Amino acid sequence: MRVLTLAPAVLLLAAAGCASTATESRYAADMQKLADDCAARGGILAPTGQQSGRPNNDNVCKIAGGASRLTRGDES
């Protein structure tokens, strides 16, 4: 009889352990948002060498190419 009362608790703990791996981590979600924002500006996300656990501090958006507004000398 005692086994029957523990069975639901064991099943609940097993289900809770599996549920935590099904969602995307906060770090991965923030990293993806930073990468998308950087790509929209024409750049690529690059690591800074820091390891703070915060994607916005650990990465920088490198934008290749010159600033077209500043490099055109023939237009007024």
PDB file of N, CA and C in Angstrom:
ATOM      1  N   MET A   1       0.822  -1.192   0.000  1.00  0.00           N
ATOM      2  CA  MET A   1       0.000   0.000   0.000  1.00  0.00           C
ATOM      3  C   MET A   1       0.864   1.252   0.000  1.00  0.00           C
ATOM      4  N   ARG A   2       2.001   1.197   0.692  1.00  0.00           N
ATOM      5  CA  ARG A   2       2.880   2.358   0.777  1.00  0.00           C
ATOM      6  C   ARG A   2       3.510   2.686  -0.576  1.00  0.00           C
ATOM      7  N   VAL A   3       3.740   1.679  -1.409  1.00  0.00           N
ATOM      8  CA  VAL A   3       4.324   1.879  -2.730  1.00  0.00           C
ATOM      9  C   VAL A   3       3.375   2.697  -3.609  1.00  0.00           C
ATOM     10  N   LEU A   4       2.102   2.485  -3.475  1.00  0.00           N
ATOM     11  CA  LEU A   4       1.132   3.212  -4.279  1.00  0.00           C
ATOM     12  C   LEU A   4       1.087   4.698  -3.929  1.00  0.00           C
ATOM     13  N   THR A   5       1.356   5.071  -2.700  1.00  0.00           N
ATOM     14  CA  THR A   5       1.324   6.477  -2.333  1.00  0.00           C
ATOM     15  C   THR A   5       2.594   7.206  -2.768  1.00  0.00           C
ATOM     16  N   LEU A   6       3.704   6.484  -2.948  1.00  0.00           N
ATOM     17  CA  LEU A   6       4.954   7.104  -3.398  1.00  0.00           C
ATOM     18  C   LEU A   6       5.054   7.204  -4.915  1.00  0.00           C
ATOM     19  N   ALA A   7       4.326   6.386  -5.626  1.00  0.00           N
ATOM     20  CA  ALA A   7       4.410   6.355  -7.085  1.00  0.00           C
ATOM     21  C   ALA A   7       4.095   7.711  -7.731  1.00  0.00           C
ATOM     22  N   PRO A   8       3.028   8.410  -7.335  1.00  0.00           N
ATOM     23  CA  PRO A   8       2.768   9.718  -7.955  1.00  0.00           C
ATOM     24  C   PRO A   8       3.893  10.733  -7.690  1.00  0.00           C
ATOM     25  N   ALA A   9       4.467  10.693  -6.508  1.00  0.00           N
ATOM     26  CA  ALA A   9       5.548  11.624  -6.198  1.00  0.00           C
ATOM     27  C   ALA A   9       6.776  11.340  -7.056  1.00  0.00           C
ATOM     28  N   VAL A  10       7.097  10.081  -7.253  1.00  0.00           N
ATOM     29  CA  VAL A  10       8.249   9.705  -8.086  1.00  0.00           C
ATOM     30  C   VAL A  10       8.002  10.121  -9.533  1.00  0.00           C
ATOM     31  N   LEU A  11       6.807   9.895 -10.040  1.00  0.00           N
ATOM     32  CA  LEU A  11       6.484  10.295 -11.413  1.00  0.00           C
ATOM     33  C   LEU A  11       6.530  11.801 -11.592  1.00  0.00           C
ATOM     34  N   LEU A  12       6.085  12.527 -10.596  1.00  0.00           N
ATOM     35  CA  LEU A  12       6.112  13.989 -10.655  1.00  0.00           C
ATOM     36  C   LEU A  12       7.549  14.511 -10.694  1.00  0.00           C
ATOM     37  N   LEU A  13       8.416  13.949  -9.877  1.00  0.00           N
ATOM     38  CA  LEU A  13       9.821  14.353  -9.877  1.00  0.00           C
ATOM     39  C   LEU A  13      10.505  14.008 -11.200  1.00  0.00           C
ATOM     40  N   ALA A  14      10.192  12.867 -11.760  1.00  0.00           N
ATOM     41  CA  ALA A  14      10.778  12.469 -13.042  1.00  0.00           C
ATOM     42  C   ALA A  14      10.322  13.411 -14.158  1.00  0.00           C
ATOM     43  N   ALA A  15       9.063  13.776 -14.158  1.00  0.00           N
ATOM     44  CA  ALA A  15       8.545  14.688 -15.178  1.00  0.00           C
ATOM     45  C   ALA A  15       9.143  16.079 -15.018  1.00  0.00           C
ATOM     46  N   ALA A  16       9.340  16.526 -13.798  1.00  0.00           N
ATOM     47  CA  ALA A  16       9.919  17.852 -13.565  1.00  0.00           C
ATOM     48  C   ALA A  16      11.366  17.900 -14.030  1.00  0.00           C
ATOM     49  N   GLY A  17      12.095  16.820 -13.894  1.00  0.00           N
ATOM     50  CA  GLY A  17      13.477  16.769 -14.352  1.00  0.00           C
ATOM     51  C   GLY A  17      13.578  16.868 -15.859  1.00  0.00           C
ATOM     52  N   CYS A  18      12.654  16.288 -16.566  1.00  0.00           N
ATOM     53  CA  CYS A  18      12.667  16.346 -18.029  1.00  0.00           C
ATOM     54  C   CYS A  18      12.178  17.696 -18.545  1.00  0.00           C
ATOM     55  N   ALA A  19      11.292  18.321 -17.839  1.00  0.00           N
ATOM     56  CA  ALA A  19      10.705  19.573 -18.299  1.00  0.00           C
ATOM     57  C   ALA A  19      11.722  20.701 -18.334  1.00  0.00           C
ATOM     58  N   SER A  20      12.706  20.676 -17.464  1.00  0.00           N
ATOM     59  CA  SER A  20      13.653  21.786 -17.412  1.00  0.00           C
ATOM     60  C   SER A  20      14.580  21.815 -18.622  1.00  0.00           C
ATOM     61  N   THR A  21      14.769  20.700 -19.312  1.00  0.00           N
ATOM     62  CA  THR A  21      15.656  20.663 -20.470  1.00  0.00           C
ATOM     63  C   THR A  21      14.943  21.004 -21.768  1.00  0.00           C
ATOM     64  N   ALA A  22      13.642  21.126 -21.744  1.00  0.00           N
ATOM     65  CA  ALA A  22      12.884  21.364 -22.968  1.00  0.00           C
ATOM     66  C   ALA A  22      12.909  22.824 -23.397  1.00  0.00           C
ATOM     67  N   THR A  23      13.176  23.745 -22.506  1.00  0.00           N
ATOM     68  CA  THR A  23      13.149  25.160 -22.855  1.00  0.00           C
ATOM     69  C   THR A  23      14.544  25.686 -23.153  1.00  0.00           C
ATOM     70  N   GLU A  24      14.616  26.741 -23.920  1.00  0.00           N
ATOM     71  CA  GLU A  24      15.883  27.369 -24.259  1.00  0.00           C
ATOM     72  C   GLU A  24      16.373  28.194 -23.068  1.00  0.00           C
ATOM     73  N   SER A  25      17.669  28.192 -22.851  1.00  0.00           N
ATOM     74  CA  SER A  25      18.210  28.938 -21.715  1.00  0.00           C
ATOM     75  C   SER A  25      18.116  30.435 -21.968  1.00  0.00           C
ATOM     76  N   ARG A  26      18.128  31.186 -20.913  1.00  0.00           N
ATOM     77  CA  ARG A  26      18.067  32.648 -21.001  1.00  0.00           C
ATOM     78  C   ARG A  26      19.296  33.191 -21.735  1.00  0.00           C
ATOM     79  N   TYR A  27      20.467  32.620 -21.445  1.00  0.00           N
ATOM     80  CA  TYR A  27      21.704  33.060 -22.100  1.00  0.00           C
ATOM     81  C   TYR A  27      21.621  32.841 -23.610  1.00  0.00           C
ATOM     82  N   ALA A  28      21.143  31.672 -24.016  1.00  0.00           N
ATOM     83  CA  ALA A  28      21.030  31.368 -25.444  1.00  0.00           C
ATOM     84  C   ALA A  28      20.028  32.293 -26.137  1.00  0.00           C
ATOM     85  N   ALA A  29      18.927  32.601 -25.453  1.00  0.00           N
ATOM     86  CA  ALA A  29      17.924  33.496 -26.032  1.00  0.00           C
ATOM     87  C   ALA A  29      18.486  34.912 -26.185  1.00  0.00           C
ATOM     88  N   ASP A  30      19.198  35.400 -25.160  1.00  0.00           N
ATOM     89  CA  ASP A  30      19.813  36.729 -25.243  1.00  0.00           C
ATOM     90  C   ASP A  30      20.887  36.767 -26.319  1.00  0.00           C
ATOM     91  N   MET A  31      21.655  35.694 -26.424  1.00  0.00           N
ATOM     92  CA  MET A  31      22.710  35.606 -27.431  1.00  0.00           C
ATOM     93  C   MET A  31      22.115  35.649 -28.843  1.00  0.00           C
ATOM     94  N   GLN A  32      21.020  34.926 -29.050  1.00  0.00           N
ATOM     95  CA  GLN A  32      20.370  34.919 -30.361  1.00  0.00           C
ATOM     96  C   GLN A  32      19.815  36.295 -30.709  1.00  0.00           C
ATOM     97  N   LYS A  33      19.239  36.996 -29.739  1.00  0.00           N
ATOM     98  CA  LYS A  33      18.715  38.341 -29.975  1.00  0.00           C
ATOM     99  C   LYS A  33      19.842  39.301 -30.331  1.00  0.00           C
ATOM    100  N   LEU A  34      20.966  39.209 -29.624  1.00  0.00           N
ATOM    101  CA  LEU A  34      22.118  40.058 -29.944  1.00  0.00           C
ATOM    102  C   LEU A  34      22.639  39.774 -31.345  1.00  0.00           C
ATOM    103  N   ALA A  35      22.732  38.504 -31.699  1.00  0.00           N
ATOM    104  CA  ALA A  35      23.215  38.132 -33.027  1.00  0.00           C
ATOM    105  C   ALA A  35      22.276  38.641 -34.119  1.00  0.00           C
ATOM    106  N   ASP A  36      20.978  38.536 -33.892  1.00  0.00           N
ATOM    107  CA  ASP A  36      19.996  39.021 -34.866  1.00  0.00           C
ATOM    108  C   ASP A  36      20.064  40.541 -35.019  1.00  0.00           C
ATOM    109  N   ASP A  37      20.157  41.262 -33.903  1.00  0.00           N
ATOM    110  CA  ASP A  37      20.260  42.720 -33.952  1.00  0.00           C
ATOM    111  C   ASP A  37      21.537  43.161 -34.656  1.00  0.00           C
ATOM    112  N   CYS A  38      22.626  42.465 -34.384  1.00  0.00           N
ATOM    113  CA  CYS A  38      23.907  42.798 -35.002  1.00  0.00           C
ATOM    114  C   CYS A  38      23.853  42.532 -36.515  1.00  0.00           C
ATOM    115  N   ALA A  39      23.286  41.402 -36.907  1.00  0.00           N
ATOM    116  CA  ALA A  39      23.176  41.068 -38.328  1.00  0.00           C
ATOM    117  C   ALA A  39      22.294  42.078 -39.058  1.00  0.00           C
ATOM    118  N   ALA A  40      21.264  42.580 -38.400  1.00  0.00           N
ATOM    119  CA  ALA A  40      20.386  43.578 -39.013  1.00  0.00           C
ATOM    120  C   ALA A  40      21.136  44.885 -39.287  1.00  0.00           C
ATOM    121  N   ARG A  41      22.179  45.154 -38.498  1.00  0.00           N
ATOM    122  CA  ARG A  41      22.996  46.353 -38.707  1.00  0.00           C
ATOM    123  C   ARG A  41      24.169  46.092 -39.656  1.00  0.00           C
ATOM    124  N   GLY A  42      24.250  44.878 -40.206  1.00  0.00           N
ATOM    125  CA  GLY A  42      25.314  44.554 -41.145  1.00  0.00           C
ATOM    126  C   GLY A  42      26.591  44.085 -40.482  1.00  0.00           C
ATOM    127  N   GLY A  43      26.506  43.615 -39.250  1.00  0.00           N
ATOM    128  CA  GLY A  43      27.693  43.195 -38.514  1.00  0.00           C
ATOM    129  C   GLY A  43      27.671  41.727 -38.168  1.00  0.00           C
ATOM    130  N   ILE A  44      28.691  41.322 -37.434  1.00  0.00           N
ATOM    131  CA  ILE A  44      28.798  39.952 -36.953  1.00  0.00           C
ATOM    132  C   ILE A  44      29.184  39.999 -35.482  1.00  0.00           C
ATOM    133  N   LEU A  45      28.581  39.145 -34.694  1.00  0.00           N
ATOM    134  CA  LEU A  45      28.839  39.096 -33.257  1.00  0.00           C
ATOM    135  C   LEU A  45      30.175  38.414 -33.006  1.00  0.00           C
ATOM    136  N   ALA A  46      31.032  39.049 -32.217  1.00  0.00           N
ATOM    137  CA  ALA A  46      32.355  38.515 -31.915  1.00  0.00           C
ATOM    138  C   ALA A  46      32.591  38.563 -30.406  1.00  0.00           C
ATOM    139  N   PRO A  47      33.285  37.564 -29.865  1.00  0.00           N
ATOM    140  CA  PRO A  47      33.559  37.550 -28.420  1.00  0.00           C
ATOM    141  C   PRO A  47      34.580  38.609 -28.033  1.00  0.00           C
ATOM    142  N   THR A  48      34.433  39.147 -26.824  1.00  0.00           N
ATOM    143  CA  THR A  48      35.378  40.149 -26.322  1.00  0.00           C
ATOM    144  C   THR A  48      36.486  39.522 -25.500  1.00  0.00           C
ATOM    145  N   GLY A  49      36.304  38.283 -25.099  1.00  0.00           N
ATOM    146  CA  GLY A  49      37.278  37.623 -24.249  1.00  0.00           C
ATOM    147  C   GLY A  49      36.849  37.592 -22.800  1.00  0.00           C
ATOM    148  N   GLN A  50      35.821  38.352 -22.451  1.00  0.00           N
ATOM    149  CA  GLN A  50      35.279  38.331 -21.093  1.00  0.00           C
ATOM    150  C   GLN A  50      34.363  37.116 -20.928  1.00  0.00           C
ATOM    151  N   GLN A  51      34.186  36.704 -19.702  1.00  0.00           N
ATOM    152  CA  GLN A  51      33.254  35.629 -19.387  1.00  0.00           C
ATOM    153  C   GLN A  51      32.446  36.016 -18.169  1.00  0.00           C
ATOM    154  N   SER A  52      31.544  36.974 -18.353  1.00  0.00           N
ATOM    155  CA  SER A  52      30.741  37.467 -17.239  1.00  0.00           C
ATOM    156  C   SER A  52      29.424  36.706 -17.090  1.00  0.00           C
ATOM    157  N   GLY A  53      29.051  35.930 -18.105  1.00  0.00           N
ATOM    158  CA  GLY A  53      27.762  35.255 -18.063  1.00  0.00           C
ATOM    159  C   GLY A  53      26.645  36.098 -18.635  1.00  0.00           C
ATOM    160  N   ARG A  54      26.978  37.292 -19.107  1.00  0.00           N
ATOM    161  CA  ARG A  54      25.994  38.178 -19.740  1.00  0.00           C
ATOM    162  C   ARG A  54      26.419  38.387 -21.192  1.00  0.00           C
ATOM    163  N   PRO A  55      25.615  37.938 -22.147  1.00  0.00           N
ATOM    164  CA  PRO A  55      25.994  38.001 -23.554  1.00  0.00           C
ATOM    165  C   PRO A  55      26.313  39.417 -24.045  1.00  0.00           C
ATOM    166  N   ASN A  56      25.613  40.423 -23.528  1.00  0.00           N
ATOM    167  CA  ASN A  56      25.855  41.790 -23.992  1.00  0.00           C
ATOM    168  C   ASN A  56      27.208  42.317 -23.518  1.00  0.00           C
ATOM    169  N   ASN A  57      27.771  41.758 -22.451  1.00  0.00           N
ATOM    170  CA  ASN A  57      29.108  42.151 -21.999  1.00  0.00           C
ATOM    171  C   ASN A  57      30.193  41.280 -22.612  1.00  0.00           C
ATOM    172  N   ASP A  58      29.856  40.057 -22.976  1.00  0.00           N
ATOM    173  CA  ASP A  58      30.833  39.096 -23.460  1.00  0.00           C
ATOM    174  C   ASP A  58      31.026  39.154 -24.976  1.00  0.00           C
ATOM    175  N   ASN A  59      30.231  39.934 -25.689  1.00  0.00           N
ATOM    176  CA  ASN A  59      30.295  39.990 -27.151  1.00  0.00           C
ATOM    177  C   ASN A  59      30.173  41.420 -27.631  1.00  0.00           C
ATOM    178  N   VAL A  60      30.687  41.648 -28.838  1.00  0.00           N
ATOM    179  CA  VAL A  60      30.614  42.960 -29.461  1.00  0.00           C
ATOM    180  C   VAL A  60      30.174  42.763 -30.914  1.00  0.00           C
ATOM    181  N   CYS A  61      29.463  43.735 -31.446  1.00  0.00           N
ATOM    182  CA  CYS A  61      29.023  43.678 -32.838  1.00  0.00           C
ATOM    183  C   CYS A  61      30.078  44.359 -33.710  1.00  0.00           C
ATOM    184  N   LYS A  62      30.762  43.569 -34.535  1.00  0.00           N
ATOM    185  CA  LYS A  62      31.774  44.124 -35.439  1.00  0.00           C
ATOM    186  C   LYS A  62      31.121  44.376 -36.794  1.00  0.00           C
ATOM    187  N   ILE A  63      31.179  45.611 -37.222  1.00  0.00           N
ATOM    188  CA  ILE A  63      30.580  45.997 -38.492  1.00  0.00           C
ATOM    189  C   ILE A  63      31.710  46.253 -39.482  1.00  0.00           C
ATOM    190  N   ALA A  64      31.747  45.461 -40.534  1.00  0.00           N
ATOM    191  CA  ALA A  64      32.790  45.583 -41.555  1.00  0.00           C
ATOM    192  C   ALA A  64      32.402  46.648 -42.568  1.00  0.00           C
ATOM    193  N   GLY A  65      33.383  47.264 -43.190  1.00  0.00           N
ATOM    194  CA  GLY A  65      33.125  48.285 -44.189  1.00  0.00           C
ATOM    195  C   GLY A  65      33.217  49.673 -43.587  1.00  0.00           C
ATOM    196  N   GLY A  66      33.394  50.633 -44.437  1.00  0.00           N
ATOM    197  CA  GLY A  66      33.516  52.008 -43.975  1.00  0.00           C
ATOM    198  C   GLY A  66      32.175  52.676 -43.798  1.00  0.00           C
ATOM    199  N   ALA A  67      32.193  53.761 -43.117  1.00  0.00           N
ATOM    200  CA  ALA A  67      30.983  54.566 -42.961  1.00  0.00           C
ATOM    201  C   ALA A  67      30.807  55.367 -44.240  1.00  0.00           C
ATOM    202  N   SER A  68      29.830  55.014 -45.029  1.00  0.00           N
ATOM    203  CA  SER A  68      29.670  55.606 -46.358  1.00  0.00           C
ATOM    204  C   SER A  68      29.452  57.113 -46.297  1.00  0.00           C
ATOM    205  N   ARG A  69      28.868  57.614 -45.259  1.00  0.00           N
ATOM    206  CA  ARG A  69      28.636  59.042 -45.139  1.00  0.00           C
ATOM    207  C   ARG A  69      29.966  59.790 -45.035  1.00  0.00           C
ATOM    208  N   LEU A  70      30.954  59.173 -44.399  1.00  0.00           N
ATOM    209  CA  LEU A  70      32.232  59.842 -44.181  1.00  0.00           C
ATOM    210  C   LEU A  70      33.232  59.612 -45.302  1.00  0.00           C
ATOM    211  N   THR A  71      33.077  58.544 -46.090  1.00  0.00           N
ATOM    212  CA  THR A  71      34.061  58.217 -47.110  1.00  0.00           C
ATOM    213  C   THR A  71      33.772  58.841 -48.465  1.00  0.00           C
ATOM    214  N   ARG A  72      32.605  59.376 -48.689  1.00  0.00           N
ATOM    215  CA  ARG A  72      32.281  59.986 -49.976  1.00  0.00           C
ATOM    216  C   ARG A  72      32.739  61.446 -49.960  1.00  0.00           C
ATOM    217  N   GLY A  73      33.797  61.755 -50.648  1.00  0.00           N
ATOM    218  CA  GLY A  73      34.315  63.112 -50.664  1.00  0.00           C
ATOM    219  C   GLY A  73      33.806  63.942 -51.828  1.00  0.00           C
ATOM    220  N   ASP A  74      33.202  63.289 -52.831  1.00  0.00           N
ATOM    221  CA  ASP A  74      32.759  64.010 -54.008  1.00  0.00           C
ATOM    222  C   ASP A  74      31.358  64.593 -53.905  1.00  0.00           C
ATOM    223  N   GLU A  75      30.608  64.216 -52.896  1.00  0.00           N
ATOM    224  CA  GLU A  75      29.248  64.732 -52.730  1.00  0.00           C
ATOM    225  C   GLU A  75      29.218  65.814 -51.666  1.00  0.00           C
ATOM    226  N   SER A  76      28.334  66.765 -51.831  1.00  0.00           N
ATOM    227  CA  SER A  76      28.185  67.838 -50.846  1.00  0.00           C
ATOM    228  C   SER A  76      26.908  67.713 -50.102  1.00  0.00           C
TER     229      SER A  76
END
